[in-house]
Amino acid sequence: MTRRAAALGLASALLAGCAAPPDATVSGRPCQQQLKPRRLVCVDAPPVEPARAAQARALAPMGPGSTVYILRQHWSDDIKPVSVSAGAGTPLATLPRSLVRLQLPPGEQLLRLQWQGGSYQLRLQARAGEVRVLRLEGWVFWSLREYWLTPMEVAEARPLLDGLRFLGER
């Protein structure tokens, strides 16, 4: 029994570094705690009204154009911010376990991801009144990073919304 207890103790100590870091807000800026090395990563985003955050978590449409939700929730995600933009609009910064919302006019649109050391583009056909969900995924190997957007069904996205922080909309 003591070997089993020792093995369980060792396993839990090793896995403690993999636990999800807590969210924080510092001077009104959304932040996330990185566990190893211990540091706080923050992005510039205006405060979000609770009613807007609730509407976003419901994946509700946002006006007459196409509403695009971008979920950043992936097991291999890196702590670094990734910015999302459409057209000439101001970019929205994302952190792991976050959600942002874009309102796009109907027609062909170009979505851009930007991160330190790289970028990605996705062309999509926006239709009036539609709700579209894209998952921001990626991988990291040492200093190499790569991110992309994967389409999801709304029903597939709903279970992933628990624990996501709504960072804003454009």
N, C-alpha and C. Protein backbone atom coordinates (compact mmCIF):
# COMPACT_ATOMS: atom_id res chain seq x y z
N MET A 1 0.82 -1.20 0.00
CA MET A 1 0.00 0.00 0.00
C MET A 1 0.86 1.26 0.00
N THR A 2 2.00 1.22 0.63
CA THR A 2 2.84 2.42 0.67
C THR A 2 3.42 2.75 -0.69
N ARG A 3 3.71 1.72 -1.50
CA ARG A 3 4.20 1.99 -2.86
C ARG A 3 3.12 2.68 -3.69
N ARG A 4 1.88 2.21 -3.54
CA ARG A 4 0.77 2.81 -4.29
C ARG A 4 0.59 4.27 -3.86
N ALA A 5 0.64 4.52 -2.56
CA ALA A 5 0.48 5.89 -2.06
C ALA A 5 1.62 6.78 -2.55
N ALA A 6 2.83 6.24 -2.56
CA ALA A 6 3.97 7.01 -3.04
C ALA A 6 3.82 7.31 -4.53
N ALA A 7 3.37 6.31 -5.31
CA ALA A 7 3.19 6.51 -6.75
C ALA A 7 2.11 7.55 -7.02
N LEU A 8 1.01 7.50 -6.26
CA LEU A 8 -0.06 8.49 -6.43
C LEU A 8 0.43 9.89 -6.05
N GLY A 9 1.20 9.99 -4.99
CA GLY A 9 1.74 11.28 -4.57
C GLY A 9 2.68 11.87 -5.61
N LEU A 10 3.54 11.02 -6.18
CA LEU A 10 4.46 11.46 -7.21
C LEU A 10 3.71 11.89 -8.46
N ALA A 11 2.72 11.12 -8.88
CA ALA A 11 1.94 11.46 -10.07
C ALA A 11 1.20 12.78 -9.88
N SER A 12 0.60 12.98 -8.72
CA SER A 12 -0.13 14.24 -8.50
C SER A 12 0.83 15.42 -8.44
N ALA A 13 2.01 15.24 -7.91
CA ALA A 13 3.00 16.33 -7.88
C ALA A 13 3.46 16.69 -9.29
N LEU A 14 3.66 15.68 -10.13
CA LEU A 14 4.09 15.94 -11.50
C LEU A 14 2.99 16.59 -12.32
N LEU A 15 1.75 16.17 -12.12
CA LEU A 15 0.64 16.72 -12.88
C LEU A 15 0.19 18.09 -12.39
N ALA A 16 0.63 18.50 -11.22
CA ALA A 16 0.23 19.80 -10.68
C ALA A 16 0.67 20.93 -11.61
N GLY A 17 1.77 20.76 -12.32
CA GLY A 17 2.23 21.77 -13.27
C GLY A 17 1.35 21.87 -14.50
N CYS A 18 0.52 20.85 -14.75
CA CYS A 18 -0.35 20.84 -15.91
C CYS A 18 -1.74 21.39 -15.60
N ALA A 19 -2.01 21.72 -14.36
CA ALA A 19 -3.33 22.23 -14.00
C ALA A 19 -3.58 23.56 -14.68
N ALA A 20 -4.84 23.82 -14.97
CA ALA A 20 -5.21 25.05 -15.66
C ALA A 20 -4.90 26.26 -14.78
N PRO A 21 -4.15 27.23 -15.28
CA PRO A 21 -3.83 28.41 -14.49
C PRO A 21 -5.06 29.29 -14.31
N PRO A 22 -5.15 29.98 -13.18
CA PRO A 22 -6.32 30.82 -12.93
C PRO A 22 -6.31 32.10 -13.75
N ASP A 23 -7.52 32.59 -14.03
CA ASP A 23 -7.67 33.89 -14.69
C ASP A 23 -7.53 34.98 -13.65
N ALA A 24 -7.14 36.15 -14.10
CA ALA A 24 -7.00 37.29 -13.20
C ALA A 24 -7.32 38.56 -13.98
N THR A 25 -7.53 39.64 -13.26
CA THR A 25 -7.69 40.95 -13.86
C THR A 25 -6.77 41.90 -13.10
N VAL A 26 -5.89 42.57 -13.84
CA VAL A 26 -4.94 43.49 -13.23
C VAL A 26 -5.14 44.85 -13.89
N SER A 27 -5.48 45.85 -13.09
CA SER A 27 -5.74 47.20 -13.58
C SER A 27 -6.77 47.20 -14.71
N GLY A 28 -7.79 46.36 -14.58
CA GLY A 28 -8.86 46.28 -15.57
C GLY A 28 -8.51 45.51 -16.82
N ARG A 29 -7.31 44.93 -16.88
CA ARG A 29 -6.88 44.16 -18.05
C ARG A 29 -7.02 42.66 -17.77
N PRO A 30 -7.59 41.89 -18.72
CA PRO A 30 -7.65 40.44 -18.52
C PRO A 30 -6.26 39.82 -18.57
N CYS A 31 -5.99 38.94 -17.63
CA CYS A 31 -4.68 38.30 -17.53
C CYS A 31 -4.85 36.82 -17.26
N GLN A 32 -3.76 36.09 -17.45
CA GLN A 32 -3.74 34.68 -17.12
C GLN A 32 -2.40 34.36 -16.50
N GLN A 33 -2.43 33.52 -15.49
CA GLN A 33 -1.21 33.13 -14.78
C GLN A 33 -0.58 31.95 -15.49
N GLN A 34 0.67 32.08 -15.87
CA GLN A 34 1.42 30.96 -16.42
C GLN A 34 2.09 30.28 -15.24
N LEU A 35 2.06 28.95 -15.22
CA LEU A 35 2.59 28.23 -14.07
C LEU A 35 4.11 28.08 -14.10
N LYS A 36 4.67 27.70 -15.25
CA LYS A 36 6.11 27.45 -15.30
C LYS A 36 6.69 28.12 -16.52
N PRO A 37 7.55 29.11 -16.45
CA PRO A 37 7.90 29.84 -15.24
C PRO A 37 6.73 30.72 -14.82
N ARG A 38 6.63 30.98 -13.55
CA ARG A 38 5.50 31.71 -12.99
C ARG A 38 5.54 33.17 -13.43
N ARG A 39 4.54 33.55 -14.23
CA ARG A 39 4.42 34.95 -14.65
C ARG A 39 2.99 35.20 -15.09
N LEU A 40 2.64 36.47 -15.13
CA LEU A 40 1.30 36.89 -15.50
C LEU A 40 1.34 37.45 -16.92
N VAL A 41 0.44 36.96 -17.79
CA VAL A 41 0.35 37.44 -19.17
C VAL A 41 -0.98 38.17 -19.30
N CYS A 42 -0.94 39.46 -19.73
CA CYS A 42 -2.13 40.29 -19.82
C CYS A 42 -2.32 40.80 -21.25
N VAL A 43 -3.56 41.12 -21.59
CA VAL A 43 -3.88 41.73 -22.89
C VAL A 43 -4.69 42.99 -22.65
N ASP A 44 -4.62 43.90 -23.62
CA ASP A 44 -5.42 45.12 -23.53
C ASP A 44 -6.81 44.84 -24.09
N ALA A 45 -7.81 44.97 -23.24
CA ALA A 45 -9.20 44.77 -23.65
C ALA A 45 -10.08 45.60 -22.72
N PRO A 46 -11.06 46.30 -23.28
CA PRO A 46 -11.94 47.08 -22.42
C PRO A 46 -12.80 46.15 -21.56
N PRO A 47 -13.27 46.63 -20.42
CA PRO A 47 -14.14 45.80 -19.58
C PRO A 47 -15.40 45.40 -20.34
N VAL A 48 -15.88 44.20 -20.09
CA VAL A 48 -17.06 43.67 -20.77
C VAL A 48 -18.22 43.65 -19.80
N GLU A 49 -19.37 44.17 -20.24
CA GLU A 49 -20.57 44.14 -19.40
C GLU A 49 -21.03 42.69 -19.23
N PRO A 50 -21.49 42.33 -18.03
CA PRO A 50 -21.94 40.95 -17.81
C PRO A 50 -23.05 40.52 -18.77
N ALA A 51 -23.95 41.43 -19.16
CA ALA A 51 -25.02 41.07 -20.09
C ALA A 51 -24.45 40.70 -21.46
N ARG A 52 -23.41 41.42 -21.92
CA ARG A 52 -22.78 41.10 -23.21
C ARG A 52 -22.07 39.75 -23.14
N ALA A 53 -21.42 39.49 -22.01
CA ALA A 53 -20.73 38.21 -21.84
C ALA A 53 -21.74 37.06 -21.84
N ALA A 54 -22.88 37.25 -21.19
CA ALA A 54 -23.92 36.20 -21.16
C ALA A 54 -24.47 35.96 -22.56
N GLN A 55 -24.67 37.03 -23.32
CA GLN A 55 -25.16 36.90 -24.70
C GLN A 55 -24.14 36.14 -25.55
N ALA A 56 -22.87 36.42 -25.34
CA ALA A 56 -21.82 35.73 -26.10
C ALA A 56 -21.77 34.25 -25.73
N ARG A 57 -21.90 33.94 -24.45
CA ARG A 57 -21.88 32.53 -24.03
C ARG A 57 -23.07 31.75 -24.57
N ALA A 58 -24.14 32.45 -24.92
CA ALA A 58 -25.32 31.80 -25.52
C ALA A 58 -25.13 31.64 -27.03
N LEU A 59 -24.01 32.14 -27.57
CA LEU A 59 -23.73 32.12 -29.00
C LEU A 59 -24.88 32.75 -29.80
N ALA A 60 -25.36 33.87 -29.28
CA ALA A 60 -26.47 34.59 -29.90
C ALA A 60 -25.98 35.45 -31.06
N PRO A 61 -26.84 35.68 -32.07
CA PRO A 61 -26.47 36.60 -33.15
C PRO A 61 -26.33 38.02 -32.63
N MET A 62 -25.52 38.82 -33.31
CA MET A 62 -25.22 40.17 -32.84
C MET A 62 -25.54 41.19 -33.93
N GLY A 63 -26.77 41.32 -34.33
CA GLY A 63 -27.10 42.32 -35.34
C GLY A 63 -27.40 41.71 -36.70
N PRO A 64 -27.48 42.58 -37.71
CA PRO A 64 -27.94 42.13 -39.02
C PRO A 64 -26.91 41.35 -39.83
N GLY A 65 -25.65 41.50 -39.54
CA GLY A 65 -24.61 40.82 -40.33
C GLY A 65 -24.38 39.39 -39.86
N SER A 66 -23.23 38.89 -40.19
CA SER A 66 -22.81 37.55 -39.77
C SER A 66 -22.07 37.67 -38.44
N THR A 67 -22.42 36.83 -37.48
CA THR A 67 -21.75 36.83 -36.17
C THR A 67 -20.80 35.65 -36.12
N VAL A 68 -19.53 35.93 -35.87
CA VAL A 68 -18.51 34.89 -35.81
C VAL A 68 -17.93 34.85 -34.40
N TYR A 69 -18.04 33.68 -33.77
CA TYR A 69 -17.46 33.46 -32.45
C TYR A 69 -16.15 32.71 -32.62
N ILE A 70 -15.13 33.14 -31.91
CA ILE A 70 -13.84 32.46 -31.95
C ILE A 70 -13.52 31.99 -30.54
N LEU A 71 -13.47 30.66 -30.40
CA LEU A 71 -13.17 30.02 -29.12
C LEU A 71 -11.70 29.65 -29.10
N ARG A 72 -11.02 30.01 -28.06
CA ARG A 72 -9.63 29.60 -27.89
C ARG A 72 -9.58 28.69 -26.68
N GLN A 73 -9.67 27.41 -26.94
CA GLN A 73 -9.67 26.41 -25.87
C GLN A 73 -9.16 25.12 -26.46
N HIS A 74 -7.90 24.81 -26.22
CA HIS A 74 -7.28 23.62 -26.79
C HIS A 74 -6.27 23.09 -25.79
N TRP A 75 -6.17 21.80 -25.68
CA TRP A 75 -5.30 21.20 -24.67
C TRP A 75 -3.83 21.56 -24.84
N SER A 76 -3.38 21.83 -26.07
CA SER A 76 -1.97 22.13 -26.29
C SER A 76 -1.71 23.62 -26.46
N ASP A 77 -2.62 24.46 -25.99
CA ASP A 77 -2.50 25.89 -26.21
C ASP A 77 -1.35 26.50 -25.41
N ASP A 78 -0.80 27.56 -25.98
CA ASP A 78 0.29 28.30 -25.37
C ASP A 78 -0.27 29.53 -24.65
N ILE A 79 0.44 30.06 -23.69
CA ILE A 79 -0.02 31.20 -22.90
C ILE A 79 0.06 32.51 -23.69
N LYS A 80 0.79 32.55 -24.77
CA LYS A 80 1.00 33.80 -25.52
C LYS A 80 -0.31 34.31 -26.13
N PRO A 81 -0.49 35.64 -26.18
CA PRO A 81 -1.67 36.21 -26.83
C PRO A 81 -1.65 35.97 -28.34
N VAL A 82 -2.84 35.78 -28.90
CA VAL A 82 -3.02 35.69 -30.36
C VAL A 82 -4.10 36.72 -30.69
N SER A 83 -3.82 37.59 -31.66
CA SER A 83 -4.79 38.62 -32.06
C SER A 83 -5.61 38.14 -33.24
N VAL A 84 -6.90 38.51 -33.23
CA VAL A 84 -7.84 38.16 -34.28
C VAL A 84 -8.37 39.45 -34.88
N SER A 85 -8.41 39.54 -36.21
CA SER A 85 -8.99 40.73 -36.85
C SER A 85 -9.69 40.32 -38.14
N ALA A 86 -10.59 41.20 -38.58
CA ALA A 86 -11.30 41.00 -39.85
C ALA A 86 -11.23 42.30 -40.63
N GLY A 87 -10.85 42.23 -41.88
CA GLY A 87 -10.75 43.44 -42.69
C GLY A 87 -9.76 44.42 -42.09
N ALA A 88 -10.16 45.69 -42.08
CA ALA A 88 -9.30 46.74 -41.53
C ALA A 88 -9.63 47.02 -40.06
N GLY A 89 -10.43 46.14 -39.44
CA GLY A 89 -10.85 46.36 -38.06
C GLY A 89 -9.71 46.22 -37.06
N THR A 90 -9.92 46.79 -35.89
CA THR A 90 -8.96 46.71 -34.79
C THR A 90 -8.88 45.27 -34.30
N PRO A 91 -7.68 44.74 -34.08
CA PRO A 91 -7.57 43.35 -33.62
C PRO A 91 -8.07 43.17 -32.19
N LEU A 92 -8.58 41.97 -31.93
CA LEU A 92 -8.98 41.55 -30.58
C LEU A 92 -7.93 40.57 -30.09
N ALA A 93 -7.42 40.77 -28.90
CA ALA A 93 -6.43 39.85 -28.34
C ALA A 93 -7.13 38.71 -27.63
N THR A 94 -6.58 37.51 -27.78
CA THR A 94 -7.12 36.33 -27.08
C THR A 94 -6.05 35.75 -26.17
N LEU A 95 -6.52 35.07 -25.15
CA LEU A 95 -5.68 34.28 -24.26
C LEU A 95 -6.25 32.86 -24.26
N PRO A 96 -5.52 31.88 -23.77
CA PRO A 96 -6.10 30.55 -23.66
C PRO A 96 -7.39 30.59 -22.84
N ARG A 97 -8.33 29.73 -23.19
CA ARG A 97 -9.64 29.63 -22.55
C ARG A 97 -10.40 30.95 -22.63
N SER A 98 -10.43 31.54 -23.85
CA SER A 98 -11.15 32.79 -24.04
C SER A 98 -12.07 32.70 -25.25
N LEU A 99 -12.96 33.69 -25.35
CA LEU A 99 -13.97 33.76 -26.40
C LEU A 99 -14.05 35.21 -26.87
N VAL A 100 -14.06 35.42 -28.19
CA VAL A 100 -14.28 36.75 -28.76
C VAL A 100 -15.37 36.63 -29.83
N ARG A 101 -15.97 37.78 -30.17
CA ARG A 101 -17.08 37.80 -31.13
C ARG A 101 -16.84 38.90 -32.15
N LEU A 102 -17.05 38.57 -33.43
CA LEU A 102 -16.89 39.52 -34.53
C LEU A 102 -18.22 39.66 -35.26
N GLN A 103 -18.56 40.90 -35.62
CA GLN A 103 -19.74 41.18 -36.46
C GLN A 103 -19.20 41.52 -37.84
N LEU A 104 -19.57 40.71 -38.84
CA LEU A 104 -19.05 40.90 -40.19
C LEU A 104 -20.18 41.24 -41.15
N PRO A 105 -19.93 42.14 -42.10
CA PRO A 105 -20.94 42.42 -43.13
C PRO A 105 -21.02 41.22 -44.10
N PRO A 106 -22.15 41.05 -44.75
CA PRO A 106 -22.26 39.95 -45.72
C PRO A 106 -21.23 40.11 -46.84
N GLY A 107 -20.79 38.98 -47.38
CA GLY A 107 -19.81 38.97 -48.46
C GLY A 107 -18.54 38.24 -48.05
N GLU A 108 -17.57 38.24 -48.93
CA GLU A 108 -16.31 37.57 -48.63
C GLU A 108 -15.51 38.37 -47.61
N GLN A 109 -15.04 37.69 -46.59
CA GLN A 109 -14.30 38.33 -45.51
C GLN A 109 -12.97 37.60 -45.29
N LEU A 110 -11.99 38.34 -44.84
CA LEU A 110 -10.68 37.77 -44.53
C LEU A 110 -10.42 37.91 -43.04
N LEU A 111 -10.31 36.78 -42.35
CA LEU A 111 -9.97 36.79 -40.92
C LEU A 111 -8.47 36.56 -40.79
N ARG A 112 -7.85 37.30 -39.87
CA ARG A 112 -6.41 37.19 -39.66
C ARG A 112 -6.11 36.85 -38.21
N LEU A 113 -5.15 35.96 -38.02
CA LEU A 113 -4.56 35.69 -36.71
C LEU A 113 -3.14 36.22 -36.75
N GLN A 114 -2.71 36.87 -35.69
CA GLN A 114 -1.33 37.37 -35.58
C GLN A 114 -0.80 36.99 -34.22
N TRP A 115 0.42 36.49 -34.18
CA TRP A 115 1.09 36.18 -32.93
C TRP A 115 2.57 36.47 -33.13
N GLN A 116 3.28 36.48 -32.04
CA GLN A 116 4.71 36.77 -32.11
C GLN A 116 5.38 35.71 -32.98
N GLY A 117 5.85 36.13 -34.16
CA GLY A 117 6.56 35.22 -35.05
C GLY A 117 5.72 34.60 -36.14
N GLY A 118 4.43 34.97 -36.28
CA GLY A 118 3.66 34.34 -37.34
C GLY A 118 2.29 34.94 -37.55
N SER A 119 1.62 34.44 -38.60
CA SER A 119 0.27 34.89 -38.90
C SER A 119 -0.46 33.80 -39.69
N TYR A 120 -1.77 33.92 -39.78
CA TYR A 120 -2.62 32.97 -40.48
C TYR A 120 -3.81 33.74 -41.04
N GLN A 121 -4.32 33.34 -42.20
CA GLN A 121 -5.48 33.99 -42.79
C GLN A 121 -6.50 32.94 -43.20
N LEU A 122 -7.78 33.30 -43.06
CA LEU A 122 -8.88 32.43 -43.47
C LEU A 122 -9.91 33.29 -44.20
N ARG A 123 -10.24 32.89 -45.43
CA ARG A 123 -11.30 33.56 -46.18
C ARG A 123 -12.60 32.82 -45.92
N LEU A 124 -13.66 33.61 -45.69
CA LEU A 124 -14.96 32.99 -45.51
C LEU A 124 -16.04 33.83 -46.13
N GLN A 125 -17.14 33.20 -46.46
CA GLN A 125 -18.29 33.87 -47.06
C GLN A 125 -19.29 34.15 -45.94
N ALA A 126 -19.44 35.41 -45.57
CA ALA A 126 -20.35 35.79 -44.48
C ALA A 126 -21.74 36.01 -45.05
N ARG A 127 -22.75 35.48 -44.34
CA ARG A 127 -24.15 35.63 -44.75
C ARG A 127 -24.91 36.35 -43.64
N ALA A 128 -25.83 37.22 -44.02
CA ALA A 128 -26.62 37.99 -43.06
C ALA A 128 -27.39 37.04 -42.14
N GLY A 129 -27.32 37.32 -40.84
CA GLY A 129 -28.09 36.58 -39.85
C GLY A 129 -27.49 35.26 -39.40
N GLU A 130 -26.39 34.84 -39.99
CA GLU A 130 -25.81 33.55 -39.60
C GLU A 130 -24.94 33.69 -38.35
N VAL A 131 -24.81 32.58 -37.62
CA VAL A 131 -23.88 32.48 -36.49
C VAL A 131 -22.89 31.39 -36.85
N ARG A 132 -21.62 31.75 -36.80
CA ARG A 132 -20.55 30.81 -37.14
C ARG A 132 -19.59 30.71 -35.97
N VAL A 133 -19.10 29.51 -35.70
CA VAL A 133 -18.15 29.30 -34.60
C VAL A 133 -16.86 28.74 -35.19
N LEU A 134 -15.74 29.36 -34.81
CA LEU A 134 -14.42 28.91 -35.23
C LEU A 134 -13.59 28.65 -33.99
N ARG A 135 -12.87 27.55 -33.99
CA ARG A 135 -12.00 27.23 -32.86
C ARG A 135 -10.57 27.60 -33.22
N LEU A 136 -9.95 28.42 -32.38
CA LEU A 136 -8.56 28.81 -32.57
C LEU A 136 -7.71 27.70 -31.96
N GLU A 137 -6.98 26.99 -32.80
CA GLU A 137 -6.14 25.88 -32.35
C GLU A 137 -4.70 26.16 -32.70
N GLY A 138 -3.80 25.40 -32.11
CA GLY A 138 -2.40 25.58 -32.41
C GLY A 138 -1.52 24.60 -31.70
N TRP A 139 -0.24 24.73 -31.94
CA TRP A 139 0.76 23.91 -31.27
C TRP A 139 2.00 24.75 -31.01
N VAL A 140 2.78 24.29 -30.06
CA VAL A 140 4.02 24.98 -29.69
C VAL A 140 5.10 23.93 -29.52
N PHE A 141 6.25 24.19 -30.10
CA PHE A 141 7.43 23.34 -29.89
C PHE A 141 8.60 24.27 -29.70
N TRP A 142 9.09 24.36 -28.47
CA TRP A 142 10.11 25.31 -28.06
C TRP A 142 9.66 26.72 -28.43
N SER A 143 10.37 27.38 -29.34
CA SER A 143 9.99 28.75 -29.69
C SER A 143 9.14 28.80 -30.96
N LEU A 144 8.85 27.65 -31.57
CA LEU A 144 8.02 27.60 -32.77
C LEU A 144 6.55 27.53 -32.38
N ARG A 145 5.73 28.35 -33.02
CA ARG A 145 4.29 28.38 -32.75
C ARG A 145 3.55 28.40 -34.06
N GLU A 146 2.40 27.76 -34.08
CA GLU A 146 1.54 27.78 -35.26
C GLU A 146 0.10 27.76 -34.77
N TYR A 147 -0.75 28.60 -35.35
CA TYR A 147 -2.16 28.67 -34.99
C TYR A 147 -3.02 28.67 -36.24
N TRP A 148 -4.27 28.21 -36.13
CA TRP A 148 -5.20 28.19 -37.25
C TRP A 148 -6.62 28.19 -36.71
N LEU A 149 -7.59 28.40 -37.60
CA LEU A 149 -9.01 28.41 -37.24
C LEU A 149 -9.70 27.20 -37.85
N THR A 150 -10.47 26.48 -37.02
CA THR A 150 -11.20 25.29 -37.46
C THR A 150 -12.69 25.53 -37.26
N PRO A 151 -13.52 25.39 -38.31
CA PRO A 151 -14.98 25.56 -38.15
C PRO A 151 -15.57 24.50 -37.23
N MET A 152 -16.58 24.90 -36.46
CA MET A 152 -17.30 24.00 -35.55
C MET A 152 -18.79 24.25 -35.69
N GLU A 153 -19.56 23.24 -35.38
CA GLU A 153 -21.01 23.40 -35.29
C GLU A 153 -21.33 24.09 -33.96
N VAL A 154 -22.39 24.87 -33.91
CA VAL A 154 -22.78 25.57 -32.69
C VAL A 154 -23.03 24.55 -31.57
N ALA A 155 -23.72 23.46 -31.87
CA ALA A 155 -24.02 22.43 -30.86
C ALA A 155 -22.73 21.80 -30.32
N GLU A 156 -21.74 21.65 -31.16
CA GLU A 156 -20.45 21.09 -30.76
C GLU A 156 -19.68 22.06 -29.85
N ALA A 157 -19.89 23.36 -30.06
CA ALA A 157 -19.17 24.39 -29.30
C ALA A 157 -19.76 24.63 -27.91
N ARG A 158 -21.05 24.44 -27.75
CA ARG A 158 -21.71 24.77 -26.47
C ARG A 158 -21.05 24.13 -25.25
N PRO A 159 -20.71 22.83 -25.26
CA PRO A 159 -20.07 22.24 -24.07
C PRO A 159 -18.70 22.84 -23.75
N LEU A 160 -18.05 23.46 -24.73
CA LEU A 160 -16.72 24.03 -24.52
C LEU A 160 -16.76 25.42 -23.88
N LEU A 161 -17.94 26.03 -23.80
CA LEU A 161 -18.05 27.41 -23.32
C LEU A 161 -17.84 27.55 -21.82
N ASP A 162 -18.08 26.49 -21.05
CA ASP A 162 -17.87 26.56 -19.61
C ASP A 162 -16.42 26.88 -19.31
N GLY A 163 -16.20 27.89 -18.53
CA GLY A 163 -14.85 28.27 -18.14
C GLY A 163 -14.15 29.20 -19.12
N LEU A 164 -14.78 29.52 -20.26
CA LEU A 164 -14.16 30.47 -21.19
C LEU A 164 -14.47 31.89 -20.75
N ARG A 165 -13.51 32.76 -20.91
CA ARG A 165 -13.65 34.17 -20.55
C ARG A 165 -13.93 34.98 -21.80
N PHE A 166 -15.03 35.74 -21.80
CA PHE A 166 -15.37 36.59 -22.95
C PHE A 166 -14.52 37.85 -22.89
N LEU A 167 -13.67 38.05 -23.92
CA LEU A 167 -12.74 39.17 -23.91
C LEU A 167 -13.19 40.37 -24.73
N GLY A 168 -14.22 40.22 -25.56
CA GLY A 168 -14.68 41.39 -26.29
C GLY A 168 -15.26 41.08 -27.65
N GLU A 169 -15.63 42.18 -28.34
CA GLU A 169 -16.28 42.04 -29.64
C GLU A 169 -15.94 43.24 -30.52
N ARG A 170 -16.05 43.04 -31.80
CA ARG A 170 -15.86 44.09 -32.80
C ARG A 170 -16.91 43.93 -33.86
